[in-house]
PDB file of N, CA and C in Angstrom:
ATOM      1  N   MET A   1      -3.328  14.278 -11.677  1.00  0.00           N
ATOM      2  CA  MET A   1      -4.024  13.127 -11.567  1.00  0.00           C
ATOM      3  C   MET A   1      -3.590  12.405 -11.776  1.00  0.00           C
ATOM      4  N   ARG A   2      -3.339  10.657 -10.465  1.00  0.00           N
ATOM      5  CA  ARG A   2      -3.334   9.803 -10.966  1.00  0.00           C
ATOM      6  C   ARG A   2      -4.224   8.782 -11.035  1.00  0.00           C
ATOM      7  N   ALA A   3      -3.668   8.194 -11.586  1.00  0.00           N
ATOM      8  CA  ALA A   3      -5.080   6.676 -11.986  1.00  0.00           C
ATOM      9  C   ALA A   3      -4.176   5.552 -12.029  1.00  0.00           C
ATOM     10  N   ALA A   4      -5.085   4.776 -10.904  1.00  0.00           N
ATOM     11  CA  ALA A   4      -4.602   3.370 -10.701  1.00  0.00           C
ATOM     12  C   ALA A   4      -5.180   2.678 -11.527  1.00  0.00           C
ATOM     13  N   SER A   5      -4.440   1.435 -12.008  1.00  0.00           N
ATOM     14  CA  SER A   5      -5.300   0.608 -13.030  1.00  0.00           C
ATOM     15  C   SER A   5      -5.065  -1.108 -13.014  1.00  0.00           C
ATOM     16  N   GLY A   6      -6.796  -2.169 -13.430  1.00  0.00           N
ATOM     17  CA  GLY A   6      -5.634  -3.295 -12.384  1.00  0.00           C
ATOM     18  C   GLY A   6      -7.088  -4.206 -12.818  1.00  0.00           C
ATOM     19  N   CYS A   7      -7.599  -4.750 -11.476  1.00  0.00           N
ATOM     20  CA  CYS A   7      -8.407  -5.286 -11.553  1.00  0.00           C
ATOM     21  C   CYS A   7      -8.883  -5.878  -9.225  1.00  0.00           C
ATOM     22  N   LEU A   8      -9.943  -5.824  -9.212  1.00  0.00           N
ATOM     23  CA  LEU A   8     -10.687  -6.271  -8.088  1.00  0.00           C
ATOM     24  C   LEU A   8     -10.799  -7.406  -8.156  1.00  0.00           C
ATOM     25  N   GLY A   9     -10.587  -8.488  -6.589  1.00  0.00           N
ATOM     26  CA  GLY A   9     -10.461  -9.739  -6.786  1.00  0.00           C
ATOM     27  C   GLY A   9     -10.059 -10.555  -6.014  1.00  0.00           C
ATOM     28  N   SER A  10     -10.900 -11.545  -5.514  1.00  0.00           N
ATOM     29  CA  SER A  10      -9.867 -12.151  -4.549  1.00  0.00           C
ATOM     30  C   SER A  10      -9.138 -13.858  -4.409  1.00  0.00           C
ATOM     31  N   ALA A  11      -8.245 -14.029  -3.628  1.00  0.00           N
ATOM     32  CA  ALA A  11      -8.247 -15.342  -3.738  1.00  0.00           C
ATOM     33  C   ALA A  11      -7.964 -16.133  -2.495  1.00  0.00           C
ATOM     34  N   ARG A  12      -7.541 -17.209  -2.535  1.00  0.00           N
ATOM     35  CA  ARG A  12      -7.455 -17.558  -1.008  1.00  0.00           C
ATOM     36  C   ARG A  12      -5.808 -17.215  -0.101  1.00  0.00           C
ATOM     37  N   GLY A  13      -5.325 -17.188   0.502  1.00  0.00           N
ATOM     38  CA  GLY A  13      -4.585 -16.797   1.318  1.00  0.00           C
ATOM     39  C   GLY A  13      -3.685 -17.904   1.795  1.00  0.00           C
ATOM     40  N   SER A  14      -2.315 -17.505   1.308  1.00  0.00           N
ATOM     41  CA  SER A  14      -1.247 -18.753   1.248  1.00  0.00           C
ATOM     42  C   SER A  14      -1.014 -19.034   3.056  1.00  0.00           C
ATOM     43  N   ARG A  15      -1.315 -18.422   3.804  1.00  0.00           N
ATOM     44  CA  ARG A  15      -0.968 -19.164   5.514  1.00  0.00           C
ATOM     45  C   ARG A  15      -1.933 -19.049   5.845  1.00  0.00           C
ATOM     46  N   THR A  16      -2.956 -17.943   6.258  1.00  0.00           N
ATOM     47  CA  THR A  16      -3.977 -18.900   6.677  1.00  0.00           C
ATOM     48  C   THR A  16      -5.128 -19.351   6.316  1.00  0.00           C
ATOM     49  N   GLY A  17      -5.310 -19.320   5.081  1.00  0.00           N
ATOM     50  CA  GLY A  17      -6.642 -20.142   4.286  1.00  0.00           C
ATOM     51  C   GLY A  17      -7.842 -18.889   4.380  1.00  0.00           C
ATOM     52  N   GLU A  18      -7.241 -17.664   4.749  1.00  0.00           N
ATOM     53  CA  GLU A  18      -8.707 -16.762   5.069  1.00  0.00           C
ATOM     54  C   GLU A  18      -8.738 -15.908   3.021  1.00  0.00           C
ATOM     55  N   ARG A  19      -9.794 -15.664   2.914  1.00  0.00           N
ATOM     56  CA  ARG A  19     -10.294 -14.726   1.740  1.00  0.00           C
ATOM     57  C   ARG A  19      -8.973 -13.573   1.981  1.00  0.00           C
ATOM     58  N   VAL A  20      -8.305 -13.132   1.050  1.00  0.00           N
ATOM     59  CA  VAL A  20      -7.133 -12.459   0.415  1.00  0.00           C
ATOM     60  C   VAL A  20      -7.972 -11.171  -0.370  1.00  0.00           C
ATOM     61  N   LEU A  21      -8.192  -9.850  -0.519  1.00  0.00           N
ATOM     62  CA  LEU A  21      -8.349  -8.978  -1.237  1.00  0.00           C
ATOM     63  C   LEU A  21      -7.649  -8.205  -2.346  1.00  0.00           C
ATOM     64  N   ALA A  22      -7.056  -9.008  -3.897  1.00  0.00           N
ATOM     65  CA  ALA A  22      -6.376  -8.319  -4.081  1.00  0.00           C
ATOM     66  C   ALA A  22      -7.008  -7.048  -5.048  1.00  0.00           C
ATOM     67  N   VAL A  23      -6.657  -6.087  -4.233  1.00  0.00           N
ATOM     68  CA  VAL A  23      -7.447  -4.608  -4.778  1.00  0.00           C
ATOM     69  C   VAL A  23      -5.680  -3.985  -6.449  1.00  0.00           C
ATOM     70  N   ALA A  24      -6.479  -3.521  -7.221  1.00  0.00           N
ATOM     71  CA  ALA A  24      -5.366  -2.958  -8.053  1.00  0.00           C
ATOM     72  C   ALA A  24      -6.930  -1.645  -8.554  1.00  0.00           C
ATOM     73  N   ASN A  25      -7.656  -1.746  -9.224  1.00  0.00           N
ATOM     74  CA  ASN A  25      -8.516  -0.496 -10.061  1.00  0.00           C
ATOM     75  C   ASN A  25      -9.042   0.634  -9.200  1.00  0.00           C
ATOM     76  N   PHE A  26      -8.845   1.167  -8.609  1.00  0.00           N
ATOM     77  CA  PHE A  26      -9.381   1.993  -8.039  1.00  0.00           C
ATOM     78  C   PHE A  26      -8.752   3.058  -8.737  1.00  0.00           C
ATOM     79  N   LEU A  27      -9.414   3.738  -8.765  1.00  0.00           N
ATOM     80  CA  LEU A  27      -9.451   5.306 -10.044  1.00  0.00           C
ATOM     81  C   LEU A  27      -9.018   6.234  -8.942  1.00  0.00           C
ATOM     82  N   LEU A  28      -8.244   7.089  -9.287  1.00  0.00           N
ATOM     83  CA  LEU A  28      -8.061   8.210  -8.134  1.00  0.00           C
ATOM     84  C   LEU A  28      -7.874   9.722  -9.052  1.00  0.00           C
ATOM     85  N   CYS A  29      -9.107  10.171  -8.795  1.00  0.00           N
ATOM     86  CA  CYS A  29      -8.932  11.911  -9.780  1.00  0.00           C
ATOM     87  C   CYS A  29      -8.594  12.952  -8.775  1.00  0.00           C
ATOM     88  N   ILE A  30      -8.120  12.313  -7.836  1.00  0.00           N
ATOM     89  CA  ILE A  30      -7.130  13.390  -6.794  1.00  0.00           C
ATOM     90  C   ILE A  30      -5.616  12.891  -6.715  1.00  0.00           C
ATOM     91  N   PRO A  31      -4.876  14.005  -6.605  1.00  0.00           N
ATOM     92  CA  PRO A  31      -3.466  14.349  -6.284  1.00  0.00           C
ATOM     93  C   PRO A  31      -3.482  13.545  -5.260  1.00  0.00           C
ATOM     94  N   SER A  32      -2.624  12.294  -5.534  1.00  0.00           N
ATOM     95  CA  SER A  32      -2.309  11.193  -4.526  1.00  0.00           C
ATOM     96  C   SER A  32      -1.372  10.598  -4.427  1.00  0.00           C
ATOM     97  N   TYR A  33      -0.454  10.095  -4.469  1.00  0.00           N
ATOM     98  CA  TYR A  33       0.125   8.772  -3.781  1.00  0.00           C
ATOM     99  C   TYR A  33       0.121   8.089  -2.947  1.00  0.00           C
ATOM    100  N   SER A  34      -0.651   8.610  -2.007  1.00  0.00           N
ATOM    101  CA  SER A  34      -1.560   7.072  -1.139  1.00  0.00           C
ATOM    102  C   SER A  34      -2.203   6.516  -2.190  1.00  0.00           C
ATOM    103  N   THR A  35      -2.859   5.553  -2.071  1.00  0.00           N
ATOM    104  CA  THR A  35      -3.667   4.923  -2.483  1.00  0.00           C
ATOM    105  C   THR A  35      -5.017   4.934  -1.438  1.00  0.00           C
ATOM    106  N   PHE A  36      -4.717   5.754  -0.331  1.00  0.00           N
ATOM    107  CA  PHE A  36      -6.297   5.954   0.453  1.00  0.00           C
ATOM    108  C   PHE A  36      -6.063   7.513   0.840  1.00  0.00           C
ATOM    109  N   PHE A  37      -5.584   8.487   0.400  1.00  0.00           N
ATOM    110  CA  PHE A  37      -6.135   9.864   0.416  1.00  0.00           C
ATOM    111  C   PHE A  37      -5.453  10.845  -0.503  1.00  0.00           C
ATOM    112  N   ASP A  38      -5.862  11.738  -0.654  1.00  0.00           N
ATOM    113  CA  ASP A  38      -4.944  12.784  -1.428  1.00  0.00           C
ATOM    114  C   ASP A  38      -4.129  13.215  -0.615  1.00  0.00           C
ATOM    115  N   ASN A  39      -2.934  14.135  -1.415  1.00  0.00           N
ATOM    116  CA  ASN A  39      -1.493  14.268  -0.835  1.00  0.00           C
ATOM    117  C   ASN A  39      -2.061  15.234   0.866  1.00  0.00           C
ATOM    118  N   ALA A  40      -3.248  15.942   0.594  1.00  0.00           N
ATOM    119  CA  ALA A  40      -3.235  17.166   1.589  1.00  0.00           C
ATOM    120  C   ALA A  40      -3.740  16.068   3.040  1.00  0.00           C
ATOM    121  N   HIS A  41      -4.724  15.380   2.570  1.00  0.00           N
ATOM    122  CA  HIS A  41      -5.030  14.267   3.208  1.00  0.00           C
ATOM    123  C   HIS A  41      -6.721  14.730   3.359  1.00  0.00           C
ATOM    124  N   ARG A  42      -7.236  15.591   2.464  1.00  0.00           N
ATOM    125  CA  ARG A  42      -8.773  16.408   2.452  1.00  0.00           C
ATOM    126  C   ARG A  42      -9.399  15.562   1.943  1.00  0.00           C
ATOM    127  N   ARG A  43      -9.364  14.560   1.275  1.00  0.00           N
ATOM    128  CA  ARG A  43     -10.197  13.391   0.790  1.00  0.00           C
ATOM    129  C   ARG A  43      -9.610  12.355   1.035  1.00  0.00           C
ATOM    130  N   HIS A  44     -10.824  11.227   1.236  1.00  0.00           N
ATOM    131  CA  HIS A  44     -10.092   9.649   0.894  1.00  0.00           C
ATOM    132  C   HIS A  44     -10.048   9.552  -0.638  1.00  0.00           C
ATOM    133  N   SER A  45     -10.146   8.299  -0.806  1.00  0.00           N
ATOM    134  CA  SER A  45     -10.675   6.949  -2.083  1.00  0.00           C
ATOM    135  C   SER A  45     -11.052   6.340  -1.718  1.00  0.00           C
ATOM    136  N   GLY A  46     -11.631   6.189  -0.804  1.00  0.00           N
ATOM    137  CA  GLY A  46     -13.102   5.207   0.120  1.00  0.00           C
ATOM    138  C   GLY A  46     -12.290   3.600   0.072  1.00  0.00           C
ATOM    139  N   LEU A  47     -11.418   2.977  -0.085  1.00  0.00           N
ATOM    140  CA  LEU A  47     -10.379   1.972   0.145  1.00  0.00           C
ATOM    141  C   LEU A  47     -10.758   1.764   2.002  1.00  0.00           C
ATOM    142  N   ALA A  48     -10.221   2.815   2.498  1.00  0.00           N
ATOM    143  CA  ALA A  48     -10.269   2.224   4.225  1.00  0.00           C
ATOM    144  C   ALA A  48     -11.850   1.711   4.407  1.00  0.00           C
ATOM    145  N   HIS A  49     -12.490   2.803   3.724  1.00  0.00           N
ATOM    146  CA  HIS A  49     -14.085   2.603   4.170  1.00  0.00           C
ATOM    147  C   HIS A  49     -14.516   0.646   3.467  1.00  0.00           C
ATOM    148  N   TYR A  50     -14.119   1.339   2.316  1.00  0.00           N
ATOM    149  CA  TYR A  50     -13.957  -0.770   2.081  1.00  0.00           C
ATOM    150  C   TYR A  50     -13.438  -2.036   2.512  1.00  0.00           C
ATOM    151  N   LEU A  51     -12.325  -1.249   2.968  1.00  0.00           N
ATOM    152  CA  LEU A  51     -11.714  -2.558   3.066  1.00  0.00           C
ATOM    153  C   LEU A  51     -12.261  -2.458   4.909  1.00  0.00           C
ATOM    154  N   GLU A  52     -12.546  -1.883   5.453  1.00  0.00           N
ATOM    155  CA  GLU A  52     -13.273  -2.008   7.478  1.00  0.00           C
ATOM    156  C   GLU A  52     -14.540  -2.105   6.983  1.00  0.00           C
ATOM    157  N   LYS A  53     -15.244  -2.289   5.958  1.00  0.00           N
ATOM    158  CA  LYS A  53     -16.509  -2.799   6.280  1.00  0.00           C
ATOM    159  C   LYS A  53     -16.809  -4.469   5.929  1.00  0.00           C
ATOM    160  N   ARG A  54     -15.466  -4.869   5.409  1.00  0.00           N
ATOM    161  CA  ARG A  54     -14.997  -5.876   5.114  1.00  0.00           C
ATOM    162  C   ARG A  54     -14.655  -7.116   6.439  1.00  0.00           C
ATOM    163  N   SER A  55     -14.170  -6.079   7.190  1.00  0.00           N
ATOM    164  CA  SER A  55     -13.094  -6.524   8.549  1.00  0.00           C
ATOM    165  C   SER A  55     -11.807  -6.933   8.017  1.00  0.00           C
ATOM    166  N   ILE A  56     -11.676  -5.904   6.466  1.00  0.00           N
ATOM    167  CA  ILE A  56     -10.167  -6.421   6.250  1.00  0.00           C
ATOM    168  C   ILE A  56      -8.783  -5.589   7.248  1.00  0.00           C
ATOM    169  N   LYS A  57      -8.408  -6.736   8.023  1.00  0.00           N
ATOM    170  CA  LYS A  57      -7.216  -5.498   8.352  1.00  0.00           C
ATOM    171  C   LYS A  57      -5.991  -5.137   8.483  1.00  0.00           C
ATOM    172  N   GLU A  58      -5.791  -6.875   7.294  1.00  0.00           N
ATOM    173  CA  GLU A  58      -4.036  -6.640   7.356  1.00  0.00           C
ATOM    174  C   GLU A  58      -3.889  -7.001   5.514  1.00  0.00           C
ATOM    175  N   ILE A  59      -2.720  -5.596   5.650  1.00  0.00           N
ATOM    176  CA  ILE A  59      -2.966  -5.436   3.951  1.00  0.00           C
ATOM    177  C   ILE A  59      -1.243  -6.137   3.298  1.00  0.00           C
ATOM    178  N   TYR A  60      -1.263  -6.444   2.280  1.00  0.00           N
ATOM    179  CA  TYR A  60      -0.389  -6.298   1.613  1.00  0.00           C
ATOM    180  C   TYR A  60       0.388  -5.923   0.337  1.00  0.00           C
ATOM    181  N   LEU A  61       1.109  -4.731  -0.105  1.00  0.00           N
ATOM    182  CA  LEU A  61       1.499  -3.708  -0.732  1.00  0.00           C
ATOM    183  C   LEU A  61       2.818  -4.110  -1.371  1.00  0.00           C
ATOM    184  N   MET A  62       2.768  -3.503  -2.580  1.00  0.00           N
ATOM    185  CA  MET A  62       3.935  -3.582  -3.536  1.00  0.00           C
ATOM    186  C   MET A  62       3.671  -2.972  -4.644  1.00  0.00           C
ATOM    187  N   GLY A  63       4.555  -2.118  -5.532  1.00  0.00           N
ATOM    188  CA  GLY A  63       4.259  -1.492  -6.567  1.00  0.00           C
ATOM    189  C   GLY A  63       4.797  -0.342  -6.949  1.00  0.00           C
ATOM    190  N   LEU A  64       4.998   0.461  -7.873  1.00  0.00           N
ATOM    191  CA  LEU A  64       5.382   1.765  -8.182  1.00  0.00           C
ATOM    192  C   LEU A  64       5.191   2.343  -7.358  1.00  0.00           C
ATOM    193  N   ALA A  65       5.674   3.796  -7.282  1.00  0.00           N
ATOM    194  CA  ALA A  65       7.354   3.898  -6.640  1.00  0.00           C
ATOM    195  C   ALA A  65       7.265   3.834  -5.206  1.00  0.00           C
ATOM    196  N   LEU A  66       7.951   2.510  -4.569  1.00  0.00           N
ATOM    197  CA  LEU A  66       8.655   2.534  -3.540  1.00  0.00           C
ATOM    198  C   LEU A  66       8.295   3.706  -2.875  1.00  0.00           C
ATOM    199  N   ASP A  67       9.161   4.601  -3.337  1.00  0.00           N
ATOM    200  CA  ASP A  67       9.829   6.092  -2.859  1.00  0.00           C
ATOM    201  C   ASP A  67       9.118   6.551  -2.793  1.00  0.00           C
ATOM    202  N   TYR A  68       7.386   6.535  -2.993  1.00  0.00           N
ATOM    203  CA  TYR A  68       6.111   7.839  -3.257  1.00  0.00           C
ATOM    204  C   TYR A  68       4.638   6.798  -2.920  1.00  0.00           C
ATOM    205  N   CYS A  69       4.247   6.279  -3.883  1.00  0.00           N
ATOM    206  CA  CYS A  69       3.080   5.446  -3.690  1.00  0.00           C
ATOM    207  C   CYS A  69       2.676   3.898  -3.065  1.00  0.00           C
ATOM    208  N   VAL A  70       4.447   3.302  -2.843  1.00  0.00           N
ATOM    209  CA  VAL A  70       3.972   2.470  -1.984  1.00  0.00           C
ATOM    210  C   VAL A  70       4.350   3.184  -0.449  1.00  0.00           C
ATOM    211  N   LYS A  71       5.025   3.922  -0.263  1.00  0.00           N
ATOM    212  CA  LYS A  71       5.509   4.737   1.040  1.00  0.00           C
ATOM    213  C   LYS A  71       4.308   4.864   0.802  1.00  0.00           C
ATOM    214  N   TYR A  72       4.149   5.987   0.497  1.00  0.00           N
ATOM    215  CA  TYR A  72       2.088   6.654   1.033  1.00  0.00           C
ATOM    216  C   TYR A  72       1.643   5.905   2.000  1.00  0.00           C
ATOM    217  N   SER A  73       1.310   4.923   0.484  1.00  0.00           N
ATOM    218  CA  SER A  73       0.008   4.128   0.856  1.00  0.00           C
ATOM    219  C   SER A  73       0.380   3.463   2.060  1.00  0.00           C
ATOM    220  N   ALA A  74       1.763   3.000   2.472  1.00  0.00           N
ATOM    221  CA  ALA A  74       1.741   1.943   3.673  1.00  0.00           C
ATOM    222  C   ALA A  74       1.850   2.525   4.888  1.00  0.00           C
ATOM    223  N   LEU A  75       2.091   3.995   4.845  1.00  0.00           N
ATOM    224  CA  LEU A  75       2.038   4.895   5.998  1.00  0.00           C
ATOM    225  C   LEU A  75       0.850   5.082   6.561  1.00  0.00           C
ATOM    226  N   ASP A  76      -0.408   5.258   4.903  1.00  0.00           N
ATOM    227  CA  ASP A  76      -1.336   5.522   5.736  1.00  0.00           C
ATOM    228  C   ASP A  76      -2.042   4.577   5.965  1.00  0.00           C
ATOM    229  N   ALA A  77      -1.570   3.893   5.739  1.00  0.00           N
ATOM    230  CA  ALA A  77      -2.366   2.386   6.438  1.00  0.00           C
ATOM    231  C   ALA A  77      -1.705   2.196   7.221  1.00  0.00           C
ATOM    232  N   ARG A  78      -0.549   1.754   8.285  1.00  0.00           N
ATOM    233  CA  ARG A  78      -0.396   2.245   9.360  1.00  0.00           C
ATOM    234  C   ARG A  78      -1.190   3.094  10.541  1.00  0.00           C
ATOM    235  N   HIS A  79      -1.413   4.239   9.540  1.00  0.00           N
ATOM    236  CA  HIS A  79      -2.042   5.842  10.497  1.00  0.00           C
ATOM    237  C   HIS A  79      -3.409   4.927  10.867  1.00  0.00           C
ATOM    238  N   LEU A  80      -4.155   4.576   9.892  1.00  0.00           N
ATOM    239  CA  LEU A  80      -4.929   3.967   9.790  1.00  0.00           C
ATOM    240  C   LEU A  80      -5.714   2.035  10.827  1.00  0.00           C
ATOM    241  N   GLY A  81      -4.273   1.904  11.100  1.00  0.00           N
ATOM    242  CA  GLY A  81      -4.376   0.479  12.182  1.00  0.00           C
ATOM    243  C   GLY A  81      -4.574  -0.772  11.397  1.00  0.00           C
ATOM    244  N   LEU A  82      -3.650  -0.370  10.665  1.00  0.00           N
ATOM    245  CA  LEU A  82      -3.641  -1.411   9.605  1.00  0.00           C
ATOM    246  C   LEU A  82      -2.778  -2.543   8.999  1.00  0.00           C
ATOM    247  N   THR A  83      -2.864  -3.843   9.840  1.00  0.00           N
ATOM    248  CA  THR A  83      -1.503  -4.621   9.920  1.00  0.00           C
ATOM    249  C   THR A  83      -0.937  -4.426   8.316  1.00  0.00           C
ATOM    250  N   THR A  84       0.518  -3.427   7.856  1.00  0.00           N
ATOM    251  CA  THR A  84       0.726  -3.261   6.841  1.00  0.00           C
ATOM    252  C   THR A  84       2.132  -4.394   6.998  1.00  0.00           C
ATOM    253  N   TYR A  85       2.094  -5.012   5.157  1.00  0.00           N
ATOM    254  CA  TYR A  85       3.469  -5.803   4.591  1.00  0.00           C
ATOM    255  C   TYR A  85       3.580  -5.184   3.576  1.00  0.00           C
ATOM    256  N   VAL A  86       4.882  -4.704   3.155  1.00  0.00           N
ATOM    257  CA  VAL A  86       5.255  -5.054   2.388  1.00  0.00           C
ATOM    258  C   VAL A  86       6.519  -5.443   1.042  1.00  0.00           C
ATOM    259  N   ILE A  87       6.008  -6.169   0.088  1.00  0.00           N
ATOM    260  CA  ILE A  87       6.442  -6.789  -0.140  1.00  0.00           C
ATOM    261  C   ILE A  87       7.749  -6.753  -1.463  1.00  0.00           C
ATOM    262  N   LEU A  88       8.936  -6.357  -0.990  1.00  0.00           N
ATOM    263  CA  LEU A  88       9.963  -5.568  -1.330  1.00  0.00           C
ATOM    264  C   LEU A  88      10.400  -6.020  -2.456  1.00  0.00           C
ATOM    265  N   ASP A  89      10.332  -7.660  -3.506  1.00  0.00           N
ATOM    266  CA  ASP A  89      10.957  -7.522  -4.353  1.00  0.00           C
ATOM    267  C   ASP A  89       9.919  -7.517  -5.640  1.00  0.00           C
ATOM    268  N   GLY A  90       8.325  -6.534  -5.096  1.00  0.00           N
ATOM    269  CA  GLY A  90       7.428  -6.585  -6.182  1.00  0.00           C
ATOM    270  C   GLY A  90       7.495  -5.002  -6.134  1.00  0.00           C
ATOM    271  N   CYS A  91       8.565  -3.707  -5.546  1.00  0.00           N
ATOM    272  CA  CYS A  91       8.593  -2.785  -5.982  1.00  0.00           C
ATOM    273  C   CYS A  91       9.924  -2.151  -6.399  1.00  0.00           C
ATOM    274  N   ARG A  92       9.874  -1.251  -6.828  1.00  0.00           N
ATOM    275  CA  ARG A  92      10.928  -0.197  -7.892  1.00  0.00           C
ATOM    276  C   ARG A  92      10.934   1.309  -7.158  1.00  0.00           C
ATOM    277  N   GLY A  93      11.941   1.524  -7.194  1.00  0.00           N
ATOM    278  CA  GLY A  93      11.991   3.016  -6.591  1.00  0.00           C
ATOM    279  C   GLY A  93      12.120   3.888  -7.656  1.00  0.00           C
ATOM    280  N   ILE A  94      12.215   4.918  -7.377  1.00  0.00           N
ATOM    281  CA  ILE A  94      12.718   6.412  -8.194  1.00  0.00           C
ATOM    282  C   ILE A  94      14.055   6.860  -7.915  1.00  0.00           C
ATOM    283  N   GLU A  95      14.057   6.994  -6.630  1.00  0.00           N
ATOM    284  CA  GLU A  95      15.556   7.499  -6.219  1.00  0.00           C
ATOM    285  C   GLU A  95      16.037   8.575  -7.023  1.00  0.00           C
ATOM    286  N   LEU A  96      14.941   9.865  -6.958  1.00  0.00           N
ATOM    287  CA  LEU A  96      15.371  10.835  -7.819  1.00  0.00           C
ATOM    288  C   LEU A  96      16.548  11.502  -6.891  1.00  0.00           C
ATOM    289  N   GLU A  97      17.033  11.228  -5.996  1.00  0.00           N
ATOM    290  CA  GLU A  97      18.171  12.121  -4.952  1.00  0.00           C
ATOM    291  C   GLU A  97      18.805  10.656  -4.444  1.00  0.00           C
ATOM    292  N   PRO A  98      20.064  10.339  -4.587  1.00  0.00           N
ATOM    293  CA  PRO A  98      20.956   9.418  -3.776  1.00  0.00           C
ATOM    294  C   PRO A  98      20.377   9.111  -1.791  1.00  0.00           C
ATOM    295  N   GLY A  99      19.927   8.084  -2.068  1.00  0.00           N
ATOM    296  CA  GLY A  99      18.985   7.391  -0.540  1.00  0.00           C
ATOM    297  C   GLY A  99      17.796   7.763  -0.050  1.00  0.00           C
ATOM    298  N   ASP A 100      17.123   8.050  -1.350  1.00  0.00           N
ATOM    299  CA  ASP A 100      15.088   8.283  -1.297  1.00  0.00           C
ATOM    300  C   ASP A 100      15.248   6.783  -0.739  1.00  0.00           C
ATOM    301  N   ILE A 101      15.445   5.744  -1.535  1.00  0.00           N
ATOM    302  CA  ILE A 101      14.580   4.349  -1.332  1.00  0.00           C
ATOM    303  C   ILE A 101      14.875   3.225   0.232  1.00  0.00           C
ATOM    304  N   ASP A 102      16.292   3.929   0.129  1.00  0.00           N
ATOM    305  CA  ASP A 102      16.565   3.834   1.575  1.00  0.00           C
ATOM    306  C   ASP A 102      15.906   4.736   2.907  1.00  0.00           C
ATOM    307  N   ARG A 103      15.579   5.637   2.741  1.00  0.00           N
ATOM    308  CA  ARG A 103      15.123   6.682   3.756  1.00  0.00           C
ATOM    309  C   ARG A 103      13.433   6.476   3.840  1.00  0.00           C
ATOM    310  N   ALA A 104      13.181   6.190   2.103  1.00  0.00           N
ATOM    311  CA  ALA A 104      11.697   5.920   2.818  1.00  0.00           C
ATOM    312  C   ALA A 104      11.283   4.157   2.957  1.00  0.00           C
ATOM    313  N   LEU A 105      11.897   3.212   3.136  1.00  0.00           N
ATOM    314  CA  LEU A 105      12.068   2.309   3.604  1.00  0.00           C
ATOM    315  C   LEU A 105      12.458   2.490   5.084  1.00  0.00           C
ATOM    316  N   GLU A 106      13.416   2.938   5.531  1.00  0.00           N
ATOM    317  CA  GLU A 106      13.461   3.430   6.976  1.00  0.00           C
ATOM    318  C   GLU A 106      11.773   4.117   7.768  1.00  0.00           C
ATOM    319  N   GLU A 107      11.390   4.889   6.680  1.00  0.00           N
ATOM    320  CA  GLU A 107      10.669   5.980   7.443  1.00  0.00           C
ATOM    321  C   GLU A 107       8.465   4.643   7.713  1.00  0.00           C
ATOM    322  N   ILE A 108       9.095   3.948   6.875  1.00  0.00           N
ATOM    323  CA  ILE A 108       8.048   2.734   6.384  1.00  0.00           C
ATOM    324  C   ILE A 108       7.584   1.997   7.525  1.00  0.00           C
ATOM    325  N   LYS A 109       9.607   1.386   8.043  1.00  0.00           N
ATOM    326  CA  LYS A 109       9.784   0.245   8.955  1.00  0.00           C
ATOM    327  C   LYS A 109       9.504   1.063  10.458  1.00  0.00           C
ATOM    328  N   ARG A 110       9.599   2.350  10.434  1.00  0.00           N
ATOM    329  CA  ARG A 110       9.219   3.410  11.799  1.00  0.00           C
ATOM    330  C   ARG A 110       7.658   3.072  12.327  1.00  0.00           C
ATOM    331  N   ALA A 111       7.179   3.764  10.904  1.00  0.00           N
ATOM    332  CA  ALA A 111       5.872   3.732  10.797  1.00  0.00           C
ATOM    333  C   ALA A 111       4.854   2.052  11.786  1.00  0.00           C
ATOM    334  N   GLY A 112       6.461   1.077  11.383  1.00  0.00           N
ATOM    335  CA  GLY A 112       5.649  -0.188  11.997  1.00  0.00           C
ATOM    336  C   GLY A 112       4.979  -1.389  10.918  1.00  0.00           C
ATOM    337  N   ALA A 113       5.178  -0.815   9.641  1.00  0.00           N
ATOM    338  CA  ALA A 113       5.040  -1.740   8.417  1.00  0.00           C
ATOM    339  C   ALA A 113       6.540  -2.674   8.322  1.00  0.00           C
ATOM    340  N   ILE A 114       5.746  -3.998   7.764  1.00  0.00           N
ATOM    341  CA  ILE A 114       6.329  -5.046   7.850  1.00  0.00           C
ATOM    342  C   ILE A 114       7.000  -5.210   6.038  1.00  0.00           C
ATOM    343  N   LEU A 115       8.321  -5.468   6.463  1.00  0.00           N
ATOM    344  CA  LEU A 115       8.685  -5.620   5.398  1.00  0.00           C
ATOM    345  C   LEU A 115       9.283  -6.881   5.154  1.00  0.00           C
ATOM    346  N   LEU A 116       9.089  -7.421   3.962  1.00  0.00           N
ATOM    347  CA  LEU A 116       8.923  -8.961   3.507  1.00  0.00           C
ATOM    348  C   LEU A 116       9.019  -9.040   1.684  1.00  0.00           C
ATOM    349  N   THR A 117      10.022 -10.406   1.606  1.00  0.00           N
ATOM    350  CA  THR A 117      10.275 -10.557  -0.164  1.00  0.00           C
ATOM    351  C   THR A 117       8.622 -11.900  -0.377  1.00  0.00           C
ATOM    352  N   SER A 118       8.556 -12.100  -1.255  1.00  0.00           N
ATOM    353  CA  SER A 118       7.450 -12.690  -1.821  1.00  0.00           C
ATOM    354  C   SER A 118       7.433 -14.550  -1.447  1.00  0.00           C
ATOM    355  N   SER A 119       9.004 -14.489  -1.577  1.00  0.00           N
ATOM    356  CA  SER A 119       9.417 -16.148  -0.554  1.00  0.00           C
ATOM    357  C   SER A 119       9.157 -16.125   0.636  1.00  0.00           C
ATOM    358  N   ASP A 120       8.854 -15.459   1.459  1.00  0.00           N
ATOM    359  CA  ASP A 120       8.150 -15.118   2.591  1.00  0.00           C
ATOM    360  C   ASP A 120       6.779 -15.484   2.950  1.00  0.00           C
ATOM    361  N   LEU A 121       6.357 -15.293   1.812  1.00  0.00           N
ATOM    362  CA  LEU A 121       5.086 -15.874   1.409  1.00  0.00           C
ATOM    363  C   LEU A 121       4.046 -16.979   2.007  1.00  0.00           C
TER     364      LEU A 121
END
């Protein structure tokens, strides 16, 4: 089981002035790398419904580990139709095998997520 901790809040968007949701405190009592679904995609965390209910269609991801949690969250977000940005300098990978991070980045890009750095915001 995995638990993500942090807080739930909102802030002003830097580019558009729209409200941006900062989500961090989702407690997932299911085996999961993604913040949206369990690893088998049989159960959802509730985050997709939460975002949809609030008409949020764009998300920014960063965290640990780039080649696991960030990657699977980005892939699921794209599958759900969300415009997805990965903030690279806010991520760190595990790289159990040489090239894991590069392969994860390629998969994230192929899914249509946008890679950027914090200075791009």
